[in-house]
Amino acid sequence: MTGTARIVLVEDDPAVAELVTLYLRNAGFAITHAPTAAKARELFAEMHPALVILDLGLPDTDGNALFAEIRARSDTPVLALTARAEEKLAGLDAGMDDFVTKPFDPRELVARVRAVLRRAPQHLPHASAPVLERHERAGVERDGRHRARFRGAVRPLPRSSRSMRARSSSVRTMGSPYH
């Protein structure tokens, strides 16, 4: 991402929030803390963050419900930070971009934040790319930003998909007299 990535941290434990904020600010990120889901909704609407770090055990709303709200409105990456280790696979399958269980090493969290942001499409908030391909029967759309929408979630295409398209287009032009 260009510039300082804006991150919303949704965490009800003040000690964890302080630790995460300290490490991420020292790593050069602009981080804003939301202790409740209500505050997170407000910050998300006004900030359009590059990433949301989400605790699943919030006092006013289940974190999974908040994640569903975020995903319904945006393809902003979400990293779950929670003590609910048993929800890791379900969260990843639901479309969360990464999952860190408590207790955690804050240096690993910073590394995972960087990795998620590297994989995230460089996009303007609420902007959408034109659909290049639509496969109605499979329920998949591919756009011009190397992303695919499947079951309502927008996911970046893996590098292998991009390179396969490049290879297939070069194979199509090999027999052309203009190649």
N, C-alpha and C. Protein backbone atom coordinates (compact mmCIF):
# COMPACT_ATOMS: atom_id res chain seq x y z
N MET A 1 0.84 -1.17 0.00
CA MET A 1 0.00 0.00 0.00
C MET A 1 0.89 1.23 0.00
N THR A 2 0.41 2.27 -0.61
CA THR A 2 1.18 3.49 -0.61
C THR A 2 0.78 4.30 0.61
N GLY A 3 1.74 5.01 1.21
CA GLY A 3 1.46 5.80 2.39
C GLY A 3 1.29 4.93 3.61
N THR A 4 0.73 5.54 4.64
CA THR A 4 0.51 4.83 5.90
C THR A 4 -0.83 4.13 5.84
N ALA A 5 -0.82 2.84 6.06
CA ALA A 5 -2.06 2.07 6.05
C ALA A 5 -2.84 2.37 7.32
N ARG A 6 -4.13 2.66 7.14
CA ARG A 6 -5.02 2.92 8.29
C ARG A 6 -5.65 1.61 8.73
N ILE A 7 -5.56 1.33 10.01
CA ILE A 7 -6.06 0.08 10.58
C ILE A 7 -7.04 0.40 11.69
N VAL A 8 -8.16 -0.31 11.73
CA VAL A 8 -9.09 -0.23 12.84
C VAL A 8 -8.91 -1.50 13.66
N LEU A 9 -8.59 -1.32 14.94
CA LEU A 9 -8.45 -2.42 15.89
C LEU A 9 -9.72 -2.50 16.72
N VAL A 10 -10.44 -3.61 16.61
CA VAL A 10 -11.67 -3.82 17.38
C VAL A 10 -11.33 -4.81 18.49
N GLU A 11 -11.13 -4.29 19.69
CA GLU A 11 -10.65 -5.10 20.82
C GLU A 11 -11.18 -4.50 22.11
N ASP A 12 -11.85 -5.32 22.94
CA ASP A 12 -12.43 -4.82 24.18
C ASP A 12 -11.46 -4.85 25.36
N ASP A 13 -10.38 -5.58 25.28
CA ASP A 13 -9.41 -5.66 26.37
C ASP A 13 -8.40 -4.52 26.23
N PRO A 14 -8.40 -3.56 27.17
CA PRO A 14 -7.51 -2.40 27.05
C PRO A 14 -6.02 -2.76 27.01
N ALA A 15 -5.62 -3.79 27.74
CA ALA A 15 -4.20 -4.18 27.75
C ALA A 15 -3.77 -4.72 26.39
N VAL A 16 -4.60 -5.55 25.79
CA VAL A 16 -4.30 -6.10 24.46
C VAL A 16 -4.30 -4.96 23.43
N ALA A 17 -5.30 -4.08 23.52
CA ALA A 17 -5.38 -2.96 22.58
C ALA A 17 -4.15 -2.07 22.68
N GLU A 18 -3.68 -1.82 23.88
CA GLU A 18 -2.49 -0.97 24.07
C GLU A 18 -1.25 -1.64 23.48
N LEU A 19 -1.09 -2.94 23.70
CA LEU A 19 0.05 -3.67 23.17
C LEU A 19 0.05 -3.68 21.64
N VAL A 20 -1.10 -4.00 21.04
CA VAL A 20 -1.21 -4.05 19.58
C VAL A 20 -0.97 -2.67 18.99
N THR A 21 -1.56 -1.65 19.59
CA THR A 21 -1.38 -0.27 19.11
C THR A 21 0.08 0.13 19.15
N LEU A 22 0.76 -0.17 20.22
CA LEU A 22 2.18 0.17 20.36
C LEU A 22 3.02 -0.47 19.26
N TYR A 23 2.84 -1.75 19.06
CA TYR A 23 3.65 -2.46 18.05
C TYR A 23 3.33 -2.01 16.63
N LEU A 24 2.06 -1.82 16.33
CA LEU A 24 1.69 -1.42 14.97
C LEU A 24 2.10 0.03 14.68
N ARG A 25 1.98 0.91 15.66
CA ARG A 25 2.44 2.30 15.45
C ARG A 25 3.95 2.33 15.26
N ASN A 26 4.68 1.54 16.04
CA ASN A 26 6.14 1.48 15.87
C ASN A 26 6.53 0.92 14.50
N ALA A 27 5.64 0.11 13.91
CA ALA A 27 5.88 -0.45 12.58
C ALA A 27 5.44 0.51 11.47
N GLY A 28 4.90 1.67 11.85
CA GLY A 28 4.55 2.69 10.87
C GLY A 28 3.10 2.72 10.42
N PHE A 29 2.22 2.02 11.12
CA PHE A 29 0.81 2.01 10.75
C PHE A 29 0.04 3.05 11.55
N ALA A 30 -1.02 3.58 10.95
CA ALA A 30 -1.95 4.48 11.65
C ALA A 30 -3.07 3.61 12.18
N ILE A 31 -3.18 3.51 13.49
CA ILE A 31 -4.14 2.59 14.09
C ILE A 31 -5.13 3.35 14.97
N THR A 32 -6.39 2.97 14.85
CA THR A 32 -7.45 3.56 15.66
C THR A 32 -8.16 2.43 16.38
N HIS A 33 -8.38 2.63 17.67
CA HIS A 33 -8.95 1.58 18.52
C HIS A 33 -10.46 1.77 18.68
N ALA A 34 -11.19 0.67 18.55
CA ALA A 34 -12.63 0.64 18.82
C ALA A 34 -12.87 -0.45 19.86
N PRO A 35 -13.32 -0.09 21.07
CA PRO A 35 -13.54 -1.10 22.11
C PRO A 35 -14.84 -1.88 21.96
N THR A 36 -15.74 -1.42 21.08
CA THR A 36 -17.03 -2.09 20.88
C THR A 36 -17.33 -2.20 19.39
N ALA A 37 -18.29 -3.04 19.07
CA ALA A 37 -18.72 -3.18 17.68
C ALA A 37 -19.39 -1.90 17.20
N ALA A 38 -20.13 -1.23 18.07
CA ALA A 38 -20.80 0.02 17.70
C ALA A 38 -19.77 1.07 17.28
N LYS A 39 -18.71 1.20 18.05
CA LYS A 39 -17.65 2.16 17.71
C LYS A 39 -16.93 1.72 16.43
N ALA A 40 -16.75 0.43 16.25
CA ALA A 40 -16.08 -0.09 15.05
C ALA A 40 -16.89 0.26 13.80
N ARG A 41 -18.21 0.11 13.87
CA ARG A 41 -19.07 0.46 12.72
C ARG A 41 -18.89 1.93 12.35
N GLU A 42 -18.88 2.77 13.37
CA GLU A 42 -18.71 4.21 13.17
C GLU A 42 -17.36 4.52 12.52
N LEU A 43 -16.28 3.96 13.06
CA LEU A 43 -14.94 4.19 12.51
C LEU A 43 -14.80 3.64 11.11
N PHE A 44 -15.37 2.48 10.86
CA PHE A 44 -15.28 1.85 9.54
C PHE A 44 -15.93 2.75 8.49
N ALA A 45 -17.08 3.31 8.83
CA ALA A 45 -17.81 4.16 7.89
C ALA A 45 -17.05 5.45 7.58
N GLU A 46 -16.40 6.03 8.58
CA GLU A 46 -15.73 7.31 8.36
C GLU A 46 -14.28 7.18 7.88
N MET A 47 -13.59 6.10 8.22
CA MET A 47 -12.17 5.97 7.90
C MET A 47 -11.89 5.19 6.62
N HIS A 48 -12.73 4.22 6.26
CA HIS A 48 -12.44 3.32 5.15
C HIS A 48 -11.04 2.73 5.32
N PRO A 49 -10.82 1.94 6.38
CA PRO A 49 -9.47 1.45 6.69
C PRO A 49 -8.95 0.45 5.66
N ALA A 50 -7.64 0.30 5.65
CA ALA A 50 -6.99 -0.69 4.79
C ALA A 50 -7.11 -2.09 5.39
N LEU A 51 -7.33 -2.17 6.71
CA LEU A 51 -7.40 -3.45 7.41
C LEU A 51 -8.20 -3.29 8.69
N VAL A 52 -8.93 -4.32 9.06
CA VAL A 52 -9.61 -4.38 10.36
C VAL A 52 -9.03 -5.57 11.11
N ILE A 53 -8.58 -5.32 12.34
CA ILE A 53 -8.15 -6.39 13.25
C ILE A 53 -9.30 -6.56 14.22
N LEU A 54 -9.87 -7.75 14.26
CA LEU A 54 -11.15 -7.97 14.93
C LEU A 54 -11.07 -9.05 15.99
N ASP A 55 -11.40 -8.67 17.23
CA ASP A 55 -11.58 -9.65 18.31
C ASP A 55 -12.98 -10.23 18.15
N LEU A 56 -13.12 -11.53 18.22
CA LEU A 56 -14.42 -12.15 18.03
C LEU A 56 -15.29 -12.10 19.28
N GLY A 57 -14.68 -11.90 20.45
CA GLY A 57 -15.42 -11.87 21.70
C GLY A 57 -15.65 -10.44 22.16
N LEU A 58 -16.61 -9.73 21.57
CA LEU A 58 -16.90 -8.35 21.92
C LEU A 58 -18.07 -8.28 22.89
N PRO A 59 -18.13 -7.22 23.71
CA PRO A 59 -19.19 -7.15 24.72
C PRO A 59 -20.59 -6.86 24.15
N ASP A 60 -20.68 -6.17 23.00
CA ASP A 60 -21.99 -5.75 22.50
C ASP A 60 -22.48 -6.53 21.28
N THR A 61 -21.59 -7.21 20.57
CA THR A 61 -21.97 -7.97 19.38
C THR A 61 -20.95 -9.10 19.20
N ASP A 62 -21.40 -10.22 18.68
CA ASP A 62 -20.46 -11.29 18.35
C ASP A 62 -19.57 -10.82 17.21
N GLY A 63 -18.28 -11.06 17.31
CA GLY A 63 -17.33 -10.63 16.29
C GLY A 63 -17.61 -11.24 14.92
N ASN A 64 -18.14 -12.45 14.88
CA ASN A 64 -18.49 -13.07 13.60
C ASN A 64 -19.61 -12.30 12.91
N ALA A 65 -20.56 -11.80 13.68
CA ALA A 65 -21.66 -11.00 13.11
C ALA A 65 -21.11 -9.68 12.57
N LEU A 66 -20.19 -9.06 13.30
CA LEU A 66 -19.57 -7.82 12.82
C LEU A 66 -18.76 -8.09 11.55
N PHE A 67 -18.05 -9.21 11.51
CA PHE A 67 -17.31 -9.57 10.31
C PHE A 67 -18.25 -9.69 9.11
N ALA A 68 -19.39 -10.34 9.30
CA ALA A 68 -20.37 -10.50 8.21
C ALA A 68 -20.86 -9.14 7.71
N GLU A 69 -21.06 -8.20 8.63
CA GLU A 69 -21.48 -6.84 8.24
C GLU A 69 -20.39 -6.16 7.41
N ILE A 70 -19.15 -6.28 7.85
CA ILE A 70 -18.03 -5.67 7.12
C ILE A 70 -17.92 -6.28 5.73
N ARG A 71 -17.96 -7.60 5.66
CA ARG A 71 -17.80 -8.28 4.38
C ARG A 71 -18.95 -7.96 3.42
N ALA A 72 -20.14 -7.75 3.95
CA ALA A 72 -21.29 -7.42 3.10
C ALA A 72 -21.12 -6.05 2.46
N ARG A 73 -20.40 -5.14 3.13
CA ARG A 73 -20.24 -3.78 2.60
C ARG A 73 -18.94 -3.54 1.87
N SER A 74 -17.93 -4.39 2.11
CA SER A 74 -16.60 -4.07 1.61
C SER A 74 -15.74 -5.32 1.48
N ASP A 75 -14.68 -5.20 0.70
CA ASP A 75 -13.71 -6.29 0.62
C ASP A 75 -12.47 -5.96 1.45
N THR A 76 -12.60 -5.04 2.40
CA THR A 76 -11.50 -4.69 3.30
C THR A 76 -11.01 -5.93 4.02
N PRO A 77 -9.70 -6.18 4.02
CA PRO A 77 -9.18 -7.36 4.72
C PRO A 77 -9.50 -7.32 6.21
N VAL A 78 -9.78 -8.49 6.77
CA VAL A 78 -10.07 -8.64 8.19
C VAL A 78 -9.17 -9.72 8.76
N LEU A 79 -8.45 -9.37 9.82
CA LEU A 79 -7.60 -10.31 10.54
C LEU A 79 -8.23 -10.52 11.91
N ALA A 80 -8.59 -11.74 12.24
CA ALA A 80 -9.19 -12.05 13.54
C ALA A 80 -8.08 -12.21 14.57
N LEU A 81 -8.26 -11.57 15.72
CA LEU A 81 -7.34 -11.68 16.85
C LEU A 81 -8.19 -12.08 18.04
N THR A 82 -8.12 -13.34 18.43
CA THR A 82 -9.07 -13.83 19.42
C THR A 82 -8.54 -15.02 20.21
N ALA A 83 -9.16 -15.26 21.34
CA ALA A 83 -8.83 -16.42 22.16
C ALA A 83 -9.61 -17.65 21.71
N ARG A 84 -10.52 -17.49 20.77
CA ARG A 84 -11.37 -18.58 20.30
C ARG A 84 -10.66 -19.41 19.22
N ALA A 85 -9.69 -20.18 19.63
CA ALA A 85 -8.91 -20.98 18.68
C ALA A 85 -9.77 -21.98 17.92
N GLU A 86 -10.85 -22.45 18.55
CA GLU A 86 -11.71 -23.43 17.89
C GLU A 86 -12.45 -22.86 16.68
N GLU A 87 -12.48 -21.53 16.54
CA GLU A 87 -13.18 -20.90 15.42
C GLU A 87 -12.25 -20.56 14.25
N LYS A 88 -11.00 -20.94 14.36
CA LYS A 88 -10.01 -20.57 13.35
C LYS A 88 -10.40 -21.05 11.95
N LEU A 89 -10.67 -22.33 11.77
CA LEU A 89 -10.99 -22.86 10.46
C LEU A 89 -12.30 -22.29 9.93
N ALA A 90 -13.30 -22.17 10.78
CA ALA A 90 -14.58 -21.62 10.34
C ALA A 90 -14.41 -20.16 9.91
N GLY A 91 -13.60 -19.40 10.64
CA GLY A 91 -13.35 -18.01 10.28
C GLY A 91 -12.64 -17.86 8.96
N LEU A 92 -11.63 -18.67 8.74
CA LEU A 92 -10.91 -18.62 7.47
C LEU A 92 -11.82 -19.06 6.32
N ASP A 93 -12.62 -20.10 6.54
CA ASP A 93 -13.55 -20.55 5.51
C ASP A 93 -14.62 -19.50 5.22
N ALA A 94 -14.97 -18.70 6.22
CA ALA A 94 -15.99 -17.66 6.03
C ALA A 94 -15.44 -16.46 5.26
N GLY A 95 -14.11 -16.38 5.11
CA GLY A 95 -13.54 -15.29 4.33
C GLY A 95 -12.61 -14.36 5.08
N MET A 96 -12.34 -14.65 6.35
CA MET A 96 -11.36 -13.82 7.06
C MET A 96 -10.01 -14.01 6.40
N ASP A 97 -9.22 -12.95 6.37
CA ASP A 97 -7.96 -12.98 5.64
C ASP A 97 -6.84 -13.63 6.43
N ASP A 98 -6.90 -13.59 7.74
CA ASP A 98 -5.92 -14.26 8.58
C ASP A 98 -6.51 -14.38 9.98
N PHE A 99 -5.86 -15.16 10.83
CA PHE A 99 -6.40 -15.48 12.14
C PHE A 99 -5.23 -15.64 13.10
N VAL A 100 -5.20 -14.86 14.17
CA VAL A 100 -4.15 -14.96 15.19
C VAL A 100 -4.84 -15.25 16.51
N THR A 101 -4.37 -16.31 17.20
CA THR A 101 -4.99 -16.67 18.48
C THR A 101 -4.19 -16.11 19.64
N LYS A 102 -4.92 -15.74 20.69
CA LYS A 102 -4.31 -15.24 21.93
C LYS A 102 -3.98 -16.44 22.79
N PRO A 103 -2.90 -16.40 23.53
CA PRO A 103 -1.85 -15.37 23.56
C PRO A 103 -1.05 -15.40 22.26
N PHE A 104 -0.45 -14.26 21.92
CA PHE A 104 0.24 -14.14 20.65
C PHE A 104 1.53 -13.34 20.82
N ASP A 105 2.43 -13.49 19.86
CA ASP A 105 3.66 -12.71 19.80
C ASP A 105 3.34 -11.46 18.98
N PRO A 106 3.45 -10.26 19.56
CA PRO A 106 3.09 -9.06 18.82
C PRO A 106 3.94 -8.86 17.55
N ARG A 107 5.15 -9.38 17.52
CA ARG A 107 5.98 -9.28 16.31
C ARG A 107 5.39 -10.13 15.18
N GLU A 108 4.83 -11.29 15.55
CA GLU A 108 4.16 -12.12 14.54
C GLU A 108 2.91 -11.41 14.01
N LEU A 109 2.17 -10.76 14.89
CA LEU A 109 0.99 -10.02 14.46
C LEU A 109 1.38 -8.94 13.45
N VAL A 110 2.45 -8.19 13.72
CA VAL A 110 2.91 -7.16 12.79
C VAL A 110 3.28 -7.79 11.45
N ALA A 111 3.97 -8.92 11.47
CA ALA A 111 4.34 -9.60 10.23
C ALA A 111 3.10 -10.06 9.46
N ARG A 112 2.09 -10.56 10.17
CA ARG A 112 0.87 -11.02 9.51
C ARG A 112 0.09 -9.83 8.94
N VAL A 113 0.08 -8.71 9.64
CA VAL A 113 -0.57 -7.49 9.13
C VAL A 113 0.10 -7.08 7.82
N ARG A 114 1.42 -7.06 7.81
CA ARG A 114 2.15 -6.70 6.58
C ARG A 114 1.81 -7.66 5.44
N ALA A 115 1.76 -8.95 5.75
CA ALA A 115 1.46 -9.95 4.73
C ALA A 115 0.05 -9.77 4.17
N VAL A 116 -0.93 -9.54 5.03
CA VAL A 116 -2.30 -9.34 4.57
C VAL A 116 -2.38 -8.10 3.68
N LEU A 117 -1.71 -7.04 4.09
CA LEU A 117 -1.75 -5.80 3.29
C LEU A 117 -1.02 -5.96 1.96
N ARG A 118 0.01 -6.78 1.92
CA ARG A 118 0.69 -7.05 0.64
C ARG A 118 -0.23 -7.77 -0.33
N ARG A 119 -1.04 -8.68 0.18
CA ARG A 119 -1.96 -9.46 -0.65
C ARG A 119 -3.21 -8.69 -1.03
N ALA A 120 -3.54 -7.66 -0.25
CA ALA A 120 -4.78 -6.92 -0.46
C ALA A 120 -4.71 -6.11 -1.75
N PRO A 121 -5.81 -6.08 -2.49
CA PRO A 121 -5.83 -5.28 -3.70
C PRO A 121 -5.66 -3.80 -3.35
N GLN A 122 -4.89 -3.10 -4.16
CA GLN A 122 -4.72 -1.66 -3.98
C GLN A 122 -6.00 -1.02 -4.50
N HIS A 123 -6.85 -0.57 -3.60
CA HIS A 123 -8.13 -0.04 -4.06
C HIS A 123 -8.54 1.19 -3.30
N LEU A 124 -9.38 1.95 -3.94
CA LEU A 124 -10.01 3.08 -3.27
C LEU A 124 -11.23 2.55 -2.54
N PRO A 125 -11.59 3.17 -1.41
CA PRO A 125 -12.75 2.69 -0.67
C PRO A 125 -14.01 2.66 -1.54
N HIS A 126 -14.70 1.58 -1.48
CA HIS A 126 -15.97 1.37 -2.16
C HIS A 126 -15.87 1.44 -3.68
N ALA A 127 -14.66 1.44 -4.24
CA ALA A 127 -14.51 1.42 -5.69
C ALA A 127 -14.66 -0.01 -6.17
N SER A 128 -15.10 -0.15 -7.38
CA SER A 128 -15.21 -1.50 -7.92
C SER A 128 -14.61 -1.52 -9.31
N ALA A 129 -14.03 -2.63 -9.67
CA ALA A 129 -13.45 -2.81 -11.00
C ALA A 129 -14.50 -3.45 -11.90
N PRO A 130 -14.42 -3.22 -13.20
CA PRO A 130 -15.39 -3.84 -14.09
C PRO A 130 -15.24 -5.36 -14.09
N VAL A 131 -16.36 -6.03 -14.24
CA VAL A 131 -16.34 -7.49 -14.29
C VAL A 131 -15.85 -7.91 -15.68
N LEU A 132 -14.79 -8.72 -15.71
CA LEU A 132 -14.24 -9.20 -16.97
C LEU A 132 -14.84 -10.52 -17.38
N GLU A 133 -15.10 -11.38 -16.40
CA GLU A 133 -15.68 -12.70 -16.68
C GLU A 133 -16.75 -12.98 -15.65
N ARG A 134 -17.82 -13.62 -16.09
CA ARG A 134 -18.87 -14.03 -15.16
C ARG A 134 -19.24 -15.46 -15.50
N HIS A 135 -19.21 -16.30 -14.51
CA HIS A 135 -19.59 -17.70 -14.67
C HIS A 135 -20.83 -17.92 -13.81
N GLU A 136 -22.00 -17.76 -14.43
CA GLU A 136 -23.27 -17.79 -13.70
C GLU A 136 -23.48 -19.09 -12.93
N ARG A 137 -23.23 -20.22 -13.59
CA ARG A 137 -23.50 -21.51 -12.94
C ARG A 137 -22.62 -21.72 -11.72
N ALA A 138 -21.38 -21.24 -11.76
CA ALA A 138 -20.48 -21.40 -10.62
C ALA A 138 -20.62 -20.28 -9.61
N GLY A 139 -21.28 -19.18 -9.99
CA GLY A 139 -21.44 -18.05 -9.09
C GLY A 139 -20.15 -17.29 -8.86
N VAL A 140 -19.29 -17.21 -9.89
CA VAL A 140 -17.99 -16.56 -9.75
C VAL A 140 -17.88 -15.43 -10.76
N GLU A 141 -17.34 -14.30 -10.33
CA GLU A 141 -17.02 -13.19 -11.21
C GLU A 141 -15.55 -12.86 -11.04
N ARG A 142 -14.87 -12.51 -12.15
CA ARG A 142 -13.48 -12.06 -12.09
C ARG A 142 -13.43 -10.63 -12.58
N ASP A 143 -12.74 -9.76 -11.83
CA ASP A 143 -12.66 -8.36 -12.25
C ASP A 143 -11.26 -8.01 -12.74
N GLY A 144 -11.06 -6.74 -13.11
CA GLY A 144 -9.80 -6.28 -13.66
C GLY A 144 -8.71 -6.06 -12.64
N ARG A 145 -8.98 -6.29 -11.37
CA ARG A 145 -7.97 -6.12 -10.33
C ARG A 145 -7.47 -7.46 -9.81
N HIS A 146 -7.62 -8.49 -10.59
CA HIS A 146 -7.18 -9.84 -10.20
C HIS A 146 -7.86 -10.28 -8.92
N ARG A 147 -9.16 -10.03 -8.88
CA ARG A 147 -9.98 -10.47 -7.75
C ARG A 147 -11.14 -11.27 -8.29
N ALA A 148 -11.66 -12.15 -7.47
CA ALA A 148 -12.84 -12.93 -7.83
C ALA A 148 -13.88 -12.78 -6.73
N ARG A 149 -15.14 -12.71 -7.10
CA ARG A 149 -16.23 -12.67 -6.14
C ARG A 149 -16.90 -14.04 -6.17
N PHE A 150 -16.96 -14.67 -5.00
CA PHE A 150 -17.58 -15.98 -4.87
C PHE A 150 -18.41 -15.99 -3.60
N ARG A 151 -19.69 -16.31 -3.74
CA ARG A 151 -20.62 -16.33 -2.59
C ARG A 151 -20.59 -15.01 -1.83
N GLY A 152 -20.49 -13.90 -2.55
CA GLY A 152 -20.54 -12.58 -1.93
C GLY A 152 -19.23 -12.05 -1.41
N ALA A 153 -18.20 -12.88 -1.28
CA ALA A 153 -16.91 -12.43 -0.76
C ALA A 153 -15.95 -12.17 -1.92
N VAL A 154 -15.23 -11.04 -1.85
CA VAL A 154 -14.25 -10.71 -2.87
C VAL A 154 -12.89 -11.19 -2.38
N ARG A 155 -12.24 -12.00 -3.18
CA ARG A 155 -10.95 -12.58 -2.80
C ARG A 155 -9.93 -12.28 -3.89
N PRO A 156 -8.69 -11.97 -3.53
CA PRO A 156 -7.66 -11.84 -4.56
C PRO A 156 -7.39 -13.21 -5.19
N LEU A 157 -7.14 -13.19 -6.49
CA LEU A 157 -6.80 -14.44 -7.16
C LEU A 157 -5.37 -14.83 -6.82
N PRO A 158 -5.10 -16.10 -6.61
CA PRO A 158 -3.72 -16.51 -6.33
C PRO A 158 -2.83 -16.23 -7.54
N ARG A 159 -1.55 -16.02 -7.26
CA ARG A 159 -0.60 -15.69 -8.31
C ARG A 159 -0.64 -16.72 -9.43
N SER A 160 -0.83 -17.98 -9.09
CA SER A 160 -0.85 -19.02 -10.13
C SER A 160 -1.97 -18.76 -11.13
N SER A 161 -3.12 -18.24 -10.69
CA SER A 161 -4.20 -17.94 -11.61
C SER A 161 -3.80 -16.83 -12.57
N ARG A 162 -3.13 -15.81 -12.04
CA ARG A 162 -2.69 -14.69 -12.87
C ARG A 162 -1.68 -15.18 -13.90
N SER A 163 -0.70 -15.97 -13.46
CA SER A 163 0.34 -16.42 -14.39
C SER A 163 -0.24 -17.39 -15.42
N MET A 164 -1.25 -18.17 -15.02
CA MET A 164 -1.87 -19.08 -15.98
C MET A 164 -2.60 -18.29 -17.06
N ARG A 165 -3.28 -17.19 -16.69
CA ARG A 165 -3.94 -16.37 -17.70
C ARG A 165 -2.91 -15.75 -18.63
N ALA A 166 -1.79 -15.29 -18.10
CA ALA A 166 -0.75 -14.68 -18.92
C ALA A 166 -0.19 -15.72 -19.89
N ARG A 167 0.05 -16.93 -19.38
CA ARG A 167 0.58 -17.98 -20.24
C ARG A 167 -0.42 -18.36 -21.32
N SER A 168 -1.69 -18.47 -20.95
CA SER A 168 -2.69 -18.88 -21.93
C SER A 168 -2.86 -17.80 -23.00
N SER A 169 -2.75 -16.52 -22.65
CA SER A 169 -2.88 -15.48 -23.67
C SER A 169 -1.66 -15.47 -24.58
N SER A 170 -0.47 -15.78 -24.04
CA SER A 170 0.71 -15.81 -24.90
C SER A 170 0.67 -17.02 -25.82
N VAL A 171 0.09 -18.13 -25.36
CA VAL A 171 -0.04 -19.31 -26.21
C VAL A 171 -1.00 -19.01 -27.36
N ARG A 172 -2.10 -18.26 -27.07
CA ARG A 172 -3.06 -17.93 -28.12
C ARG A 172 -2.42 -17.08 -29.21
N THR A 173 -1.46 -16.21 -28.86
CA THR A 173 -0.86 -15.32 -29.85
C THR A 173 0.34 -15.92 -30.55
N MET A 174 0.81 -17.08 -30.10
CA MET A 174 2.01 -17.67 -30.70
C MET A 174 1.81 -17.98 -32.18
N GLY A 175 0.62 -18.42 -32.58
CA GLY A 175 0.39 -18.76 -33.97
C GLY A 175 0.04 -17.54 -34.82
N SER A 176 -0.09 -16.39 -34.20
CA SER A 176 -0.47 -15.18 -34.91
C SER A 176 0.71 -14.62 -35.73
N PRO A 177 0.43 -14.13 -36.96
CA PRO A 177 1.53 -13.55 -37.75
C PRO A 177 1.99 -12.22 -37.15
N TYR A 178 1.23 -11.67 -36.20
CA TYR A 178 1.61 -10.39 -35.60
C TYR A 178 2.37 -10.55 -34.31
N HIS A 179 2.72 -11.76 -33.97
CA HIS A 179 3.45 -12.06 -32.71
C HIS A 179 4.92 -11.76 -32.87
